[in-house]
């Protein structure tokens, strides 16, 4: 009787821990997805700034090359 009760309690505790672990993993997955979106947003902003800088440098080079000497 005690063995059955111990086994039943162990199975119940294991089930609770398993379900809690699933919720925790889901939350962690959402956190990682959010972090990935934030990194992508920052990378896109940096890329846009790099493009603007490159365009400005190219425009300055063109103006310098076209200037009378």
N, C-alpha and C. Protein backbone atom coordinates (compact mmCIF):
# COMPACT_ATOMS: atom_id res chain seq x y z
N UNK A 1 0.82 -1.19 0.00
CA UNK A 1 0.00 0.00 0.00
C UNK A 1 0.87 1.26 0.00
N UNK A 2 1.92 1.30 0.83
CA UNK A 2 2.79 2.46 0.87
C UNK A 2 3.57 2.60 -0.43
N UNK A 3 3.94 1.50 -1.02
CA UNK A 3 4.67 1.54 -2.28
C UNK A 3 3.79 2.13 -3.38
N UNK A 4 2.53 1.73 -3.42
CA UNK A 4 1.59 2.25 -4.41
C UNK A 4 1.37 3.74 -4.21
N UNK A 5 1.24 4.13 -2.95
CA UNK A 5 1.03 5.55 -2.64
C UNK A 5 2.26 6.37 -3.03
N UNK A 6 3.44 5.86 -2.72
CA UNK A 6 4.68 6.54 -3.08
C UNK A 6 4.81 6.65 -4.60
N UNK A 7 4.48 5.57 -5.29
CA UNK A 7 4.55 5.57 -6.76
C UNK A 7 3.57 6.59 -7.33
N UNK A 8 2.35 6.63 -6.79
CA UNK A 8 1.33 7.56 -7.27
C UNK A 8 1.76 9.01 -7.02
N UNK A 9 2.30 9.29 -5.85
CA UNK A 9 2.76 10.64 -5.54
C UNK A 9 3.94 11.04 -6.46
N UNK A 10 4.83 10.10 -6.71
CA UNK A 10 5.96 10.36 -7.61
C UNK A 10 5.47 10.68 -9.01
N UNK A 11 4.51 9.92 -9.50
CA UNK A 11 3.97 10.17 -10.84
C UNK A 11 3.25 11.52 -10.90
N UNK A 12 2.53 11.87 -9.86
CA UNK A 12 1.84 13.15 -9.81
C UNK A 12 2.83 14.30 -9.81
N UNK A 13 3.86 14.19 -8.98
CA UNK A 13 4.89 15.22 -8.92
C UNK A 13 5.61 15.34 -10.26
N UNK A 14 5.93 14.21 -10.87
CA UNK A 14 6.59 14.22 -12.18
C UNK A 14 5.73 14.89 -13.24
N UNK A 15 4.43 14.62 -13.21
CA UNK A 15 3.51 15.24 -14.18
C UNK A 15 3.45 16.74 -14.01
N UNK A 16 3.38 17.18 -12.75
CA UNK A 16 3.33 18.62 -12.47
C UNK A 16 4.61 19.29 -12.94
N UNK A 17 5.75 18.67 -12.65
CA UNK A 17 7.02 19.25 -13.08
C UNK A 17 7.13 19.29 -14.60
N UNK A 18 6.66 18.26 -15.26
CA UNK A 18 6.70 18.21 -16.72
C UNK A 18 5.85 19.33 -17.32
N UNK A 19 4.65 19.51 -16.80
CA UNK A 19 3.77 20.57 -17.32
C UNK A 19 4.34 21.95 -17.03
N UNK A 20 4.91 22.13 -15.85
CA UNK A 20 5.52 23.41 -15.52
C UNK A 20 6.71 23.67 -16.43
N UNK A 21 7.46 22.64 -16.74
CA UNK A 21 8.61 22.77 -17.65
C UNK A 21 8.18 23.17 -19.04
N UNK A 22 7.06 22.66 -19.51
CA UNK A 22 6.57 23.02 -20.84
C UNK A 22 6.22 24.50 -20.88
N UNK A 23 5.55 24.99 -19.86
CA UNK A 23 5.20 26.41 -19.82
C UNK A 23 6.45 27.27 -19.76
N UNK A 24 7.43 26.82 -18.99
CA UNK A 24 8.68 27.57 -18.87
C UNK A 24 9.40 27.60 -20.21
N UNK A 25 9.46 26.49 -20.90
CA UNK A 25 10.13 26.44 -22.20
C UNK A 25 9.40 27.31 -23.22
N UNK A 26 8.08 27.32 -23.16
CA UNK A 26 7.32 28.16 -24.08
C UNK A 26 7.64 29.64 -23.83
N UNK A 27 7.67 30.02 -22.57
CA UNK A 27 8.00 31.40 -22.22
C UNK A 27 9.41 31.76 -22.64
N UNK A 28 10.34 30.82 -22.46
CA UNK A 28 11.72 31.07 -22.86
C UNK A 28 11.80 31.21 -24.39
N UNK A 29 11.04 30.40 -25.11
CA UNK A 29 11.01 30.51 -26.56
C UNK A 29 10.49 31.86 -27.01
N UNK A 30 9.46 32.35 -26.33
CA UNK A 30 8.92 33.67 -26.67
C UNK A 30 9.95 34.76 -26.38
N UNK A 31 10.69 34.61 -25.27
CA UNK A 31 11.73 35.59 -24.94
C UNK A 31 12.81 35.61 -26.01
N UNK A 32 13.23 34.43 -26.46
CA UNK A 32 14.26 34.36 -27.50
C UNK A 32 13.75 34.95 -28.81
N UNK A 33 12.49 34.71 -29.13
CA UNK A 33 11.92 35.27 -30.36
C UNK A 33 11.90 36.79 -30.29
N UNK A 34 11.52 37.32 -29.13
CA UNK A 34 11.50 38.77 -28.93
C UNK A 34 12.90 39.35 -29.06
N UNK A 35 13.86 38.66 -28.47
CA UNK A 35 15.25 39.11 -28.55
C UNK A 35 15.72 39.10 -30.01
N UNK A 36 15.37 38.07 -30.75
CA UNK A 36 15.74 38.00 -32.17
C UNK A 36 15.15 39.14 -32.98
N UNK A 37 13.89 39.47 -32.70
CA UNK A 37 13.26 40.59 -33.41
C UNK A 37 13.96 41.91 -33.08
N UNK A 38 14.34 42.08 -31.82
CA UNK A 38 15.04 43.31 -31.42
C UNK A 38 16.39 43.42 -32.12
N UNK A 39 17.10 42.31 -32.20
CA UNK A 39 18.41 42.30 -32.87
C UNK A 39 18.24 42.61 -34.35
N UNK A 40 17.23 42.02 -34.98
CA UNK A 40 16.99 42.29 -36.39
C UNK A 40 16.66 43.76 -36.63
N UNK A 41 15.88 44.34 -35.73
CA UNK A 41 15.52 45.75 -35.87
C UNK A 41 16.75 46.64 -35.76
N UNK A 42 17.62 46.35 -34.79
CA UNK A 42 18.85 47.12 -34.63
C UNK A 42 19.75 46.96 -35.85
N UNK A 43 19.84 45.74 -36.36
CA UNK A 43 20.69 45.50 -37.53
C UNK A 43 20.16 46.26 -38.74
N UNK A 44 18.85 46.30 -38.91
CA UNK A 44 18.25 47.03 -40.03
C UNK A 44 18.54 48.52 -39.91
N UNK A 45 18.46 49.06 -38.68
CA UNK A 45 18.76 50.48 -38.48
C UNK A 45 20.23 50.77 -38.80
N UNK A 46 21.12 49.92 -38.36
CA UNK A 46 22.55 50.11 -38.63
C UNK A 46 22.82 50.03 -40.13
N UNK A 47 22.16 49.09 -40.80
CA UNK A 47 22.36 48.94 -42.24
C UNK A 47 21.87 50.20 -42.97
N UNK A 48 20.73 50.75 -42.55
CA UNK A 48 20.20 51.96 -43.17
C UNK A 48 21.17 53.12 -42.96
N UNK A 49 21.75 53.23 -41.75
CA UNK A 49 22.72 54.29 -41.49
C UNK A 49 23.97 54.11 -42.35
N UNK A 50 24.43 52.86 -42.50
CA UNK A 50 25.60 52.60 -43.33
C UNK A 50 25.35 52.98 -44.79
N UNK A 51 24.14 52.68 -45.27
CA UNK A 51 23.79 53.03 -46.65
C UNK A 51 23.78 54.54 -46.83
N UNK A 52 23.19 55.25 -45.86
CA UNK A 52 23.15 56.71 -45.95
C UNK A 52 24.56 57.30 -45.93
N UNK A 53 25.42 56.75 -45.09
CA UNK A 53 26.80 57.24 -45.01
C UNK A 53 27.53 56.98 -46.32
N UNK A 54 27.36 55.79 -46.88
CA UNK A 54 28.02 55.45 -48.14
C UNK A 54 27.52 56.35 -49.27
N UNK A 55 26.23 56.64 -49.30
CA UNK A 55 25.68 57.51 -50.33
C UNK A 55 26.24 58.92 -50.20
N UNK A 56 26.35 59.39 -48.95
CA UNK A 56 26.89 60.74 -48.73
C UNK A 56 28.36 60.80 -49.15
N UNK A 57 29.12 59.76 -48.84
CA UNK A 57 30.53 59.73 -49.23
C UNK A 57 30.68 59.69 -50.74
N UNK A 58 29.84 58.91 -51.40
CA UNK A 58 29.89 58.82 -52.86
C UNK A 58 29.53 60.16 -53.48
N UNK A 59 28.54 60.82 -52.94
CA UNK A 59 28.12 62.12 -53.45
C UNK A 59 29.25 63.14 -53.27
N UNK A 60 29.94 63.10 -52.16
CA UNK A 60 31.05 64.03 -51.91
C UNK A 60 32.20 63.74 -52.87
N UNK A 61 32.46 62.48 -53.15
CA UNK A 61 33.53 62.12 -54.09
C UNK A 61 33.20 62.60 -55.50
N UNK A 62 31.93 62.47 -55.88
CA UNK A 62 31.50 62.91 -57.21
C UNK A 62 31.66 64.43 -57.31
N UNK A 63 31.25 65.16 -56.29
CA UNK A 63 31.38 66.61 -56.30
C UNK A 63 32.84 67.03 -56.37
N UNK A 64 33.71 66.31 -55.67
CA UNK A 64 35.14 66.62 -55.69
C UNK A 64 35.73 66.35 -57.06
N UNK A 65 35.30 65.26 -57.68
CA UNK A 65 35.82 64.92 -59.00
C UNK A 65 35.33 65.89 -60.08
N UNK A 66 34.14 66.43 -59.91
CA UNK A 66 33.57 67.34 -60.90
C UNK A 66 34.04 68.79 -60.71
N UNK A 67 34.63 69.09 -59.58
CA UNK A 67 35.06 70.47 -59.29
C UNK A 67 36.20 70.85 -60.24
N UNK A 68 36.19 72.12 -60.73
CA UNK A 68 37.26 72.55 -61.63
C UNK A 68 38.59 72.59 -60.87
N UNK A 69 39.63 72.26 -61.59
CA UNK A 69 40.95 72.21 -60.94
C UNK A 69 41.79 73.35 -61.33
